[in-house]
Amino acid sequence: MNDDRLSRYRSSIDNIDAALVFMLAERFKITQAVGEYKAEVGLPPADESRESEQIERLRALALDAGLDPVFTEKFLRFIVAEVIRHHQLIAGEN
């Protein structure tokens, strides 16, 4: 079946997915530098206060954007957990 509308939708989704991957890669480059800095100055890998602030901020942004804030929080918590794992590795923790 050749459905031009569906093809256009899928092409747009593919472009957005690619942008998300590159944005995540850029985010992880920065968080890698943060982890290295934290290890250098003796800060802990996790910052619960910062994480809570970010979750509240992104939940509000999600509401403004018409996105489910519960989904947004789950997504952010997944990313933050991975960042903390990287920071623990940098700090020599397991």
PDB file of N, CA and C in Angstrom:
ATOM      1  N   MET A   1       0.844  -1.183   0.000  1.00  0.00           N
ATOM      2  CA  MET A   1       0.000   0.000   0.000  1.00  0.00           C
ATOM      3  C   MET A   1       0.887   1.243   0.000  1.00  0.00           C
ATOM      4  N   ASN A   2       0.628   2.159  -0.862  1.00  0.00           N
ATOM      5  CA  ASN A   2       1.367   3.409  -0.952  1.00  0.00           C
ATOM      6  C   ASN A   2       0.496   4.520  -0.395  1.00  0.00           C
ATOM      7  N   ASP A   3       0.738   4.877   0.827  1.00  0.00           N
ATOM      8  CA  ASP A   3      -0.045   5.899   1.499  1.00  0.00           C
ATOM      9  C   ASP A   3       0.860   7.104   1.754  1.00  0.00           C
ATOM     10  N   ASP A   4       0.723   8.147   0.930  1.00  0.00           N
ATOM     11  CA  ASP A   4       1.596   9.316   1.027  1.00  0.00           C
ATOM     12  C   ASP A   4       1.469  10.032   2.369  1.00  0.00           C
ATOM     13  N   ARG A   5       0.271  10.131   2.898  1.00  0.00           N
ATOM     14  CA  ARG A   5       0.081  10.815   4.172  1.00  0.00           C
ATOM     15  C   ARG A   5       0.814  10.064   5.287  1.00  0.00           C
ATOM     16  N   LEU A   6       0.640   8.756   5.322  1.00  0.00           N
ATOM     17  CA  LEU A   6       1.309   7.957   6.337  1.00  0.00           C
ATOM     18  C   LEU A   6       2.824   8.058   6.180  1.00  0.00           C
ATOM     19  N   SER A   7       3.302   8.056   4.959  1.00  0.00           N
ATOM     20  CA  SER A   7       4.741   8.193   4.702  1.00  0.00           C
ATOM     21  C   SER A   7       5.272   9.525   5.212  1.00  0.00           C
ATOM     22  N   ARG A   8       4.514  10.587   5.014  1.00  0.00           N
ATOM     23  CA  ARG A   8       4.933  11.907   5.495  1.00  0.00           C
ATOM     24  C   ARG A   8       4.962  11.934   7.024  1.00  0.00           C
ATOM     25  N   TYR A   9       3.932  11.372   7.644  1.00  0.00           N
ATOM     26  CA  TYR A   9       3.921  11.298   9.112  1.00  0.00           C
ATOM     27  C   TYR A   9       5.137  10.535   9.616  1.00  0.00           C
ATOM     28  N   ARG A  10       5.377   9.397   9.004  1.00  0.00           N
ATOM     29  CA  ARG A  10       6.505   8.568   9.439  1.00  0.00           C
ATOM     30  C   ARG A  10       7.836   9.260   9.205  1.00  0.00           C
ATOM     31  N   SER A  11       7.951   9.981   8.131  1.00  0.00           N
ATOM     32  CA  SER A  11       9.169  10.725   7.862  1.00  0.00           C
ATOM     33  C   SER A  11       9.395  11.791   8.934  1.00  0.00           C
ATOM     34  N   SER A  12       8.338  12.472   9.324  1.00  0.00           N
ATOM     35  CA  SER A  12       8.437  13.473  10.390  1.00  0.00           C
ATOM     36  C   SER A  12       8.832  12.823  11.708  1.00  0.00           C
ATOM     37  N   ILE A  13       8.231  11.684  12.019  1.00  0.00           N
ATOM     38  CA  ILE A  13       8.582  10.950  13.243  1.00  0.00           C
ATOM     39  C   ILE A  13      10.052  10.549  13.206  1.00  0.00           C
ATOM     40  N   ASP A  14      10.515  10.062  12.072  1.00  0.00           N
ATOM     41  CA  ASP A  14      11.923   9.677  11.925  1.00  0.00           C
ATOM     42  C   ASP A  14      12.845  10.869  12.177  1.00  0.00           C
ATOM     43  N   ASN A  15      12.477  12.039  11.648  1.00  0.00           N
ATOM     44  CA  ASN A  15      13.285  13.244  11.856  1.00  0.00           C
ATOM     45  C   ASN A  15      13.315  13.638  13.327  1.00  0.00           C
ATOM     46  N   ILE A  16      12.169  13.566  13.982  1.00  0.00           N
ATOM     47  CA  ILE A  16      12.099  13.903  15.405  1.00  0.00           C
ATOM     48  C   ILE A  16      12.920  12.911  16.223  1.00  0.00           C
ATOM     49  N   ASP A  17      12.809  11.631  15.905  1.00  0.00           N
ATOM     50  CA  ASP A  17      13.599  10.614  16.616  1.00  0.00           C
ATOM     51  C   ASP A  17      15.091  10.884  16.470  1.00  0.00           C
ATOM     52  N   ALA A  18      15.517  11.245  15.277  1.00  0.00           N
ATOM     53  CA  ALA A  18      16.932  11.552  15.054  1.00  0.00           C
ATOM     54  C   ALA A  18      17.344  12.767  15.889  1.00  0.00           C
ATOM     55  N   ALA A  19      16.502  13.783  15.925  1.00  0.00           N
ATOM     56  CA  ALA A  19      16.810  14.970  16.722  1.00  0.00           C
ATOM     57  C   ALA A  19      16.896  14.614  18.204  1.00  0.00           C
ATOM     58  N   LEU A  20      15.999  13.767  18.682  1.00  0.00           N
ATOM     59  CA  LEU A  20      16.036  13.339  20.087  1.00  0.00           C
ATOM     60  C   LEU A  20      17.339  12.618  20.411  1.00  0.00           C
ATOM     61  N   VAL A  21      17.768  11.749  19.529  1.00  0.00           N
ATOM     62  CA  VAL A  21      19.014  11.005  19.757  1.00  0.00           C
ATOM     63  C   VAL A  21      20.194  11.973  19.837  1.00  0.00           C
ATOM     64  N   PHE A  22      20.273  12.914  18.919  1.00  0.00           N
ATOM     65  CA  PHE A  22      21.379  13.864  18.936  1.00  0.00           C
ATOM     66  C   PHE A  22      21.308  14.786  20.150  1.00  0.00           C
ATOM     67  N   MET A  23      20.103  15.178  20.557  1.00  0.00           N
ATOM     68  CA  MET A  23      19.963  16.011  21.755  1.00  0.00           C
ATOM     69  C   MET A  23      20.363  15.234  23.008  1.00  0.00           C
ATOM     70  N   LEU A  24      19.980  13.968  23.081  1.00  0.00           N
ATOM     71  CA  LEU A  24      20.405  13.146  24.220  1.00  0.00           C
ATOM     72  C   LEU A  24      21.914  12.974  24.239  1.00  0.00           C
ATOM     73  N   ALA A  25      22.500  12.775  23.074  1.00  0.00           N
ATOM     74  CA  ALA A  25      23.958  12.646  23.001  1.00  0.00           C
ATOM     75  C   ALA A  25      24.633  13.914  23.512  1.00  0.00           C
ATOM     76  N   GLU A  26      24.126  15.054  23.125  1.00  0.00           N
ATOM     77  CA  GLU A  26      24.692  16.327  23.576  1.00  0.00           C
ATOM     78  C   GLU A  26      24.504  16.484  25.084  1.00  0.00           C
ATOM     79  N   ARG A  27      23.335  16.110  25.577  1.00  0.00           N
ATOM     80  CA  ARG A  27      23.067  16.190  27.016  1.00  0.00           C
ATOM     81  C   ARG A  27      24.062  15.311  27.782  1.00  0.00           C
ATOM     82  N   PHE A  28      24.302  14.105  27.289  1.00  0.00           N
ATOM     83  CA  PHE A  28      25.212  13.205  27.985  1.00  0.00           C
ATOM     84  C   PHE A  28      26.664  13.673  27.893  1.00  0.00           C
ATOM     85  N   LYS A  29      27.038  14.386  26.839  1.00  0.00           N
ATOM     86  CA  LYS A  29      28.383  14.970  26.786  1.00  0.00           C
ATOM     87  C   LYS A  29      28.555  15.977  27.927  1.00  0.00           C
ATOM     88  N   ILE A  30      27.533  16.786  28.146  1.00  0.00           N
ATOM     89  CA  ILE A  30      27.598  17.797  29.205  1.00  0.00           C
ATOM     90  C   ILE A  30      27.568  17.139  30.575  1.00  0.00           C
ATOM     91  N   THR A  31      26.683  16.152  30.759  1.00  0.00           N
ATOM     92  CA  THR A  31      26.625  15.503  32.073  1.00  0.00           C
ATOM     93  C   THR A  31      27.896  14.715  32.354  1.00  0.00           C
ATOM     94  N   GLN A  32      28.573  14.252  31.329  1.00  0.00           N
ATOM     95  CA  GLN A  32      29.877  13.596  31.516  1.00  0.00           C
ATOM     96  C   GLN A  32      30.870  14.595  32.103  1.00  0.00           C
ATOM     97  N   ALA A  33      30.867  15.803  31.549  1.00  0.00           N
ATOM     98  CA  ALA A  33      31.754  16.856  32.059  1.00  0.00           C
ATOM     99  C   ALA A  33      31.375  17.216  33.498  1.00  0.00           C
ATOM    100  N   VAL A  34      30.092  17.258  33.787  1.00  0.00           N
ATOM    101  CA  VAL A  34      29.640  17.526  35.154  1.00  0.00           C
ATOM    102  C   VAL A  34      30.152  16.436  36.094  1.00  0.00           C
ATOM    103  N   GLY A  35      30.040  15.183  35.680  1.00  0.00           N
ATOM    104  CA  GLY A  35      30.512  14.073  36.498  1.00  0.00           C
ATOM    105  C   GLY A  35      32.007  14.148  36.763  1.00  0.00           C
ATOM    106  N   GLU A  36      32.760  14.521  35.745  1.00  0.00           N
ATOM    107  CA  GLU A  36      34.208  14.667  35.908  1.00  0.00           C
ATOM    108  C   GLU A  36      34.528  15.801  36.882  1.00  0.00           C
ATOM    109  N   TYR A  37      33.793  16.897  36.762  1.00  0.00           N
ATOM    110  CA  TYR A  37      34.001  18.028  37.663  1.00  0.00           C
ATOM    111  C   TYR A  37      33.640  17.640  39.094  1.00  0.00           C
ATOM    112  N   LYS A  38      32.502  16.975  39.279  1.00  0.00           N
ATOM    113  CA  LYS A  38      32.090  16.557  40.618  1.00  0.00           C
ATOM    114  C   LYS A  38      33.146  15.659  41.252  1.00  0.00           C
ATOM    115  N   ALA A  39      33.673  14.723  40.483  1.00  0.00           N
ATOM    116  CA  ALA A  39      34.709  13.825  41.009  1.00  0.00           C
ATOM    117  C   ALA A  39      35.965  14.618  41.371  1.00  0.00           C
ATOM    118  N   GLU A  40      36.302  15.584  40.540  1.00  0.00           N
ATOM    119  CA  GLU A  40      37.505  16.402  40.754  1.00  0.00           C
ATOM    120  C   GLU A  40      37.425  17.205  42.051  1.00  0.00           C
ATOM    121  N   VAL A  41      36.232  17.741  42.341  1.00  0.00           N
ATOM    122  CA  VAL A  41      36.091  18.607  43.522  1.00  0.00           C
ATOM    123  C   VAL A  41      35.471  17.886  44.713  1.00  0.00           C
ATOM    124  N   GLY A  42      35.209  16.597  44.563  1.00  0.00           N
ATOM    125  CA  GLY A  42      34.718  15.804  45.679  1.00  0.00           C
ATOM    126  C   GLY A  42      33.231  15.910  45.969  1.00  0.00           C
ATOM    127  N   LEU A  43      32.453  16.273  44.965  1.00  0.00           N
ATOM    128  CA  LEU A  43      31.002  16.319  45.140  1.00  0.00           C
ATOM    129  C   LEU A  43      30.401  14.936  44.888  1.00  0.00           C
ATOM    130  N   PRO A  44      29.288  14.634  45.531  1.00  0.00           N
ATOM    131  CA  PRO A  44      28.663  13.324  45.313  1.00  0.00           C
ATOM    132  C   PRO A  44      28.072  13.222  43.903  1.00  0.00           C
ATOM    133  N   PRO A  45      27.963  11.997  43.371  1.00  0.00           N
ATOM    134  CA  PRO A  45      27.411  11.812  42.028  1.00  0.00           C
ATOM    135  C   PRO A  45      25.968  12.292  41.881  1.00  0.00           C
ATOM    136  N   ALA A  46      25.174  12.162  42.929  1.00  0.00           N
ATOM    137  CA  ALA A  46      23.756  12.544  42.855  1.00  0.00           C
ATOM    138  C   ALA A  46      23.513  13.813  43.658  1.00  0.00           C
ATOM    139  N   ASP A  47      22.548  14.593  43.208  1.00  0.00           N
ATOM    140  CA  ASP A  47      22.123  15.813  43.901  1.00  0.00           C
ATOM    141  C   ASP A  47      20.600  15.788  43.948  1.00  0.00           C
ATOM    142  N   GLU A  48      20.067  15.236  45.033  1.00  0.00           N
ATOM    143  CA  GLU A  48      18.623  15.027  45.133  1.00  0.00           C
ATOM    144  C   GLU A  48      17.835  16.324  45.066  1.00  0.00           C
ATOM    145  N   SER A  49      18.377  17.389  45.609  1.00  0.00           N
ATOM    146  CA  SER A  49      17.695  18.681  45.570  1.00  0.00           C
ATOM    147  C   SER A  49      17.556  19.162  44.124  1.00  0.00           C
ATOM    148  N   ARG A  50      18.642  19.090  43.377  1.00  0.00           N
ATOM    149  CA  ARG A  50      18.625  19.487  41.957  1.00  0.00           C
ATOM    150  C   ARG A  50      17.669  18.607  41.161  1.00  0.00           C
ATOM    151  N   GLU A  51      17.690  17.297  41.438  1.00  0.00           N
ATOM    152  CA  GLU A  51      16.810  16.383  40.716  1.00  0.00           C
ATOM    153  C   GLU A  51      15.342  16.721  40.964  1.00  0.00           C
ATOM    154  N   SER A  52      14.995  16.999  42.221  1.00  0.00           N
ATOM    155  CA  SER A  52      13.614  17.352  42.560  1.00  0.00           C
ATOM    156  C   SER A  52      13.187  18.635  41.862  1.00  0.00           C
ATOM    157  N   GLU A  53      14.075  19.631  41.863  1.00  0.00           N
ATOM    158  CA  GLU A  53      13.778  20.892  41.179  1.00  0.00           C
ATOM    159  C   GLU A  53      13.545  20.663  39.688  1.00  0.00           C
ATOM    160  N   GLN A  54      14.404  19.848  39.076  1.00  0.00           N
ATOM    161  CA  GLN A  54      14.279  19.573  37.648  1.00  0.00           C
ATOM    162  C   GLN A  54      12.974  18.838  37.333  1.00  0.00           C
ATOM    163  N   ILE A  55      12.630  17.893  38.166  1.00  0.00           N
ATOM    164  CA  ILE A  55      11.396  17.145  37.931  1.00  0.00           C
ATOM    165  C   ILE A  55      10.197  18.083  37.990  1.00  0.00           C
ATOM    166  N   GLU A  56      10.145  18.923  38.993  1.00  0.00           N
ATOM    167  CA  GLU A  56       9.027  19.877  39.097  1.00  0.00           C
ATOM    168  C   GLU A  56       9.003  20.827  37.907  1.00  0.00           C
ATOM    169  N   ARG A  57      10.173  21.325  37.512  1.00  0.00           N
ATOM    170  CA  ARG A  57      10.252  22.246  36.371  1.00  0.00           C
ATOM    171  C   ARG A  57       9.776  21.574  35.092  1.00  0.00           C
ATOM    172  N   LEU A  58      10.222  20.336  34.867  1.00  0.00           N
ATOM    173  CA  LEU A  58       9.853  19.653  33.626  1.00  0.00           C
ATOM    174  C   LEU A  58       8.409  19.172  33.636  1.00  0.00           C
ATOM    175  N   ARG A  59       7.873  18.860  34.804  1.00  0.00           N
ATOM    176  CA  ARG A  59       6.438  18.526  34.889  1.00  0.00           C
ATOM    177  C   ARG A  59       5.606  19.744  34.487  1.00  0.00           C
ATOM    178  N   ALA A  60       6.010  20.921  34.955  1.00  0.00           N
ATOM    179  CA  ALA A  60       5.295  22.155  34.589  1.00  0.00           C
ATOM    180  C   ALA A  60       5.421  22.428  33.091  1.00  0.00           C
ATOM    181  N   LEU A  61       6.615  22.245  32.546  1.00  0.00           N
ATOM    182  CA  LEU A  61       6.805  22.421  31.105  1.00  0.00           C
ATOM    183  C   LEU A  61       5.944  21.435  30.315  1.00  0.00           C
ATOM    184  N   ALA A  62       5.875  20.198  30.805  1.00  0.00           N
ATOM    185  CA  ALA A  62       5.060  19.191  30.131  1.00  0.00           C
ATOM    186  C   ALA A  62       3.598  19.630  30.089  1.00  0.00           C
ATOM    187  N   LEU A  63       3.095  20.126  31.208  1.00  0.00           N
ATOM    188  CA  LEU A  63       1.711  20.602  31.239  1.00  0.00           C
ATOM    189  C   LEU A  63       1.508  21.728  30.232  1.00  0.00           C
ATOM    190  N   ASP A  64       2.451  22.667  30.190  1.00  0.00           N
ATOM    191  CA  ASP A  64       2.360  23.782  29.234  1.00  0.00           C
ATOM    192  C   ASP A  64       2.371  23.282  27.793  1.00  0.00           C
ATOM    193  N   ALA A  65       3.103  22.185  27.552  1.00  0.00           N
ATOM    194  CA  ALA A  65       3.240  21.653  26.194  1.00  0.00           C
ATOM    195  C   ALA A  65       2.139  20.660  25.830  1.00  0.00           C
ATOM    196  N   GLY A  66       1.259  20.352  26.785  1.00  0.00           N
ATOM    197  CA  GLY A  66       0.204  19.378  26.507  1.00  0.00           C
ATOM    198  C   GLY A  66       0.708  17.947  26.542  1.00  0.00           C
ATOM    199  N   LEU A  67       1.782  17.705  27.289  1.00  0.00           N
ATOM    200  CA  LEU A  67       2.369  16.381  27.415  1.00  0.00           C
ATOM    201  C   LEU A  67       2.072  15.846  28.811  1.00  0.00           C
ATOM    202  N   ASP A  68       1.863  14.571  28.924  1.00  0.00           N
ATOM    203  CA  ASP A  68       1.562  13.939  30.197  1.00  0.00           C
ATOM    204  C   ASP A  68       2.730  14.150  31.173  1.00  0.00           C
ATOM    205  N   PRO A  69       2.509  14.847  32.290  1.00  0.00           N
ATOM    206  CA  PRO A  69       3.608  15.087  33.229  1.00  0.00           C
ATOM    207  C   PRO A  69       4.106  13.810  33.903  1.00  0.00           C
ATOM    208  N   VAL A  70       3.265  12.809  34.042  1.00  0.00           N
ATOM    209  CA  VAL A  70       3.691  11.536  34.623  1.00  0.00           C
ATOM    210  C   VAL A  70       4.692  10.863  33.690  1.00  0.00           C
ATOM    211  N   PHE A  71       4.378  10.841  32.406  1.00  0.00           N
ATOM    212  CA  PHE A  71       5.321  10.293  31.419  1.00  0.00           C
ATOM    213  C   PHE A  71       6.627  11.084  31.443  1.00  0.00           C
ATOM    214  N   THR A  72       6.513  12.399  31.478  1.00  0.00           N
ATOM    215  CA  THR A  72       7.689  13.255  31.471  1.00  0.00           C
ATOM    216  C   THR A  72       8.576  12.964  32.675  1.00  0.00           C
ATOM    217  N   GLU A  73       7.961  12.800  33.841  1.00  0.00           N
ATOM    218  CA  GLU A  73       8.742  12.491  35.040  1.00  0.00           C
ATOM    219  C   GLU A  73       9.424  11.139  34.927  1.00  0.00           C
ATOM    220  N   LYS A  74       8.716  10.136  34.418  1.00  0.00           N
ATOM    221  CA  LYS A  74       9.322   8.811  34.245  1.00  0.00           C
ATOM    222  C   LYS A  74      10.520   8.884  33.299  1.00  0.00           C
ATOM    223  N   PHE A  75      10.344   9.610  32.216  1.00  0.00           N
ATOM    224  CA  PHE A  75      11.413   9.765  31.231  1.00  0.00           C
ATOM    225  C   PHE A  75      12.620  10.452  31.859  1.00  0.00           C
ATOM    226  N   LEU A  76      12.380  11.542  32.589  1.00  0.00           N
ATOM    227  CA  LEU A  76      13.476  12.262  33.220  1.00  0.00           C
ATOM    228  C   LEU A  76      14.161  11.402  34.275  1.00  0.00           C
ATOM    229  N   ARG A  77      13.394  10.689  35.067  1.00  0.00           N
ATOM    230  CA  ARG A  77      13.995   9.835  36.097  1.00  0.00           C
ATOM    231  C   ARG A  77      14.879   8.755  35.464  1.00  0.00           C
ATOM    232  N   PHE A  78      14.459   8.241  34.318  1.00  0.00           N
ATOM    233  CA  PHE A  78      15.276   7.256  33.600  1.00  0.00           C
ATOM    234  C   PHE A  78      16.611   7.876  33.176  1.00  0.00           C
ATOM    235  N   ILE A  79      16.558   9.072  32.617  1.00  0.00           N
ATOM    236  CA  ILE A  79      17.767   9.759  32.165  1.00  0.00           C
ATOM    237  C   ILE A  79      18.667  10.084  33.357  1.00  0.00           C
ATOM    238  N   VAL A  80      18.077  10.614  34.415  1.00  0.00           N
ATOM    239  CA  VAL A  80      18.859  10.989  35.594  1.00  0.00           C
ATOM    240  C   VAL A  80      19.532   9.760  36.200  1.00  0.00           C
ATOM    241  N   ALA A  81      18.827   8.649  36.259  1.00  0.00           N
ATOM    242  CA  ALA A  81      19.423   7.415  36.804  1.00  0.00           C
ATOM    243  C   ALA A  81      20.647   7.009  35.985  1.00  0.00           C
ATOM    244  N   GLU A  82      20.566   7.154  34.684  1.00  0.00           N
ATOM    245  CA  GLU A  82      21.707   6.808  33.833  1.00  0.00           C
ATOM    246  C   GLU A  82      22.859   7.789  34.038  1.00  0.00           C
ATOM    247  N   VAL A  83      22.548   9.051  34.185  1.00  0.00           N
ATOM    248  CA  VAL A  83      23.572  10.061  34.447  1.00  0.00           C
ATOM    249  C   VAL A  83      24.276   9.764  35.771  1.00  0.00           C
ATOM    250  N   ILE A  84      23.504   9.461  36.805  1.00  0.00           N
ATOM    251  CA  ILE A  84      24.092   9.154  38.110  1.00  0.00           C
ATOM    252  C   ILE A  84      24.975   7.911  38.010  1.00  0.00           C
ATOM    253  N   ARG A  85      24.529   6.919  37.268  1.00  0.00           N
ATOM    254  CA  ARG A  85      25.343   5.717  37.078  1.00  0.00           C
ATOM    255  C   ARG A  85      26.686   6.088  36.445  1.00  0.00           C
ATOM    256  N   HIS A  86      26.657   6.948  35.445  1.00  0.00           N
ATOM    257  CA  HIS A  86      27.904   7.404  34.809  1.00  0.00           C
ATOM    258  C   HIS A  86      28.769   8.161  35.807  1.00  0.00           C
ATOM    259  N   HIS A  87      28.149   9.031  36.606  1.00  0.00           N
ATOM    260  CA  HIS A  87      28.899   9.806  37.594  1.00  0.00           C
ATOM    261  C   HIS A  87      29.533   8.892  38.638  1.00  0.00           C
ATOM    262  N   GLN A  88      28.828   7.839  39.023  1.00  0.00           N
ATOM    263  CA  GLN A  88      29.381   6.887  39.991  1.00  0.00           C
ATOM    264  C   GLN A  88      30.592   6.161  39.406  1.00  0.00           C
ATOM    265  N   LEU A  89      30.513   5.825  38.131  1.00  0.00           N
ATOM    266  CA  LEU A  89      31.662   5.180  37.473  1.00  0.00           C
ATOM    267  C   LEU A  89      32.858   6.132  37.436  1.00  0.00           C
ATOM    268  N   ILE A  90      32.618   7.387  37.120  1.00  0.00           N
ATOM    269  CA  ILE A  90      33.690   8.379  37.069  1.00  0.00           C
ATOM    270  C   ILE A  90      34.332   8.528  38.455  1.00  0.00           C
ATOM    271  N   ALA A  91      33.470   8.530  39.485  1.00  0.00           N
ATOM    272  CA  ALA A  91      33.947   8.709  40.857  1.00  0.00           C
ATOM    273  C   ALA A  91      34.583   7.446  41.432  1.00  0.00           C
ATOM    274  N   GLY A  92      34.520   6.364  40.671  1.00  0.00           N
ATOM    275  CA  GLY A  92      35.102   5.113  41.140  1.00  0.00           C
ATOM    276  C   GLY A  92      34.190   4.320  42.055  1.00  0.00           C
ATOM    277  N   GLU A  93      32.899   4.693  42.055  1.00  0.00           N
ATOM    278  CA  GLU A  93      31.919   3.942  42.836  1.00  0.00           C
ATOM    279  C   GLU A  93      31.297   2.877  41.939  1.00  0.00           C
ATOM    280  N   ASN A  94      30.697   1.883  42.543  1.00  0.00           N
ATOM    281  CA  ASN A  94      29.999   0.856  41.756  1.00  0.00           C
ATOM    282  C   ASN A  94      28.562   0.860  42.021  1.00  0.00           C
TER     283      ASN A  94
END
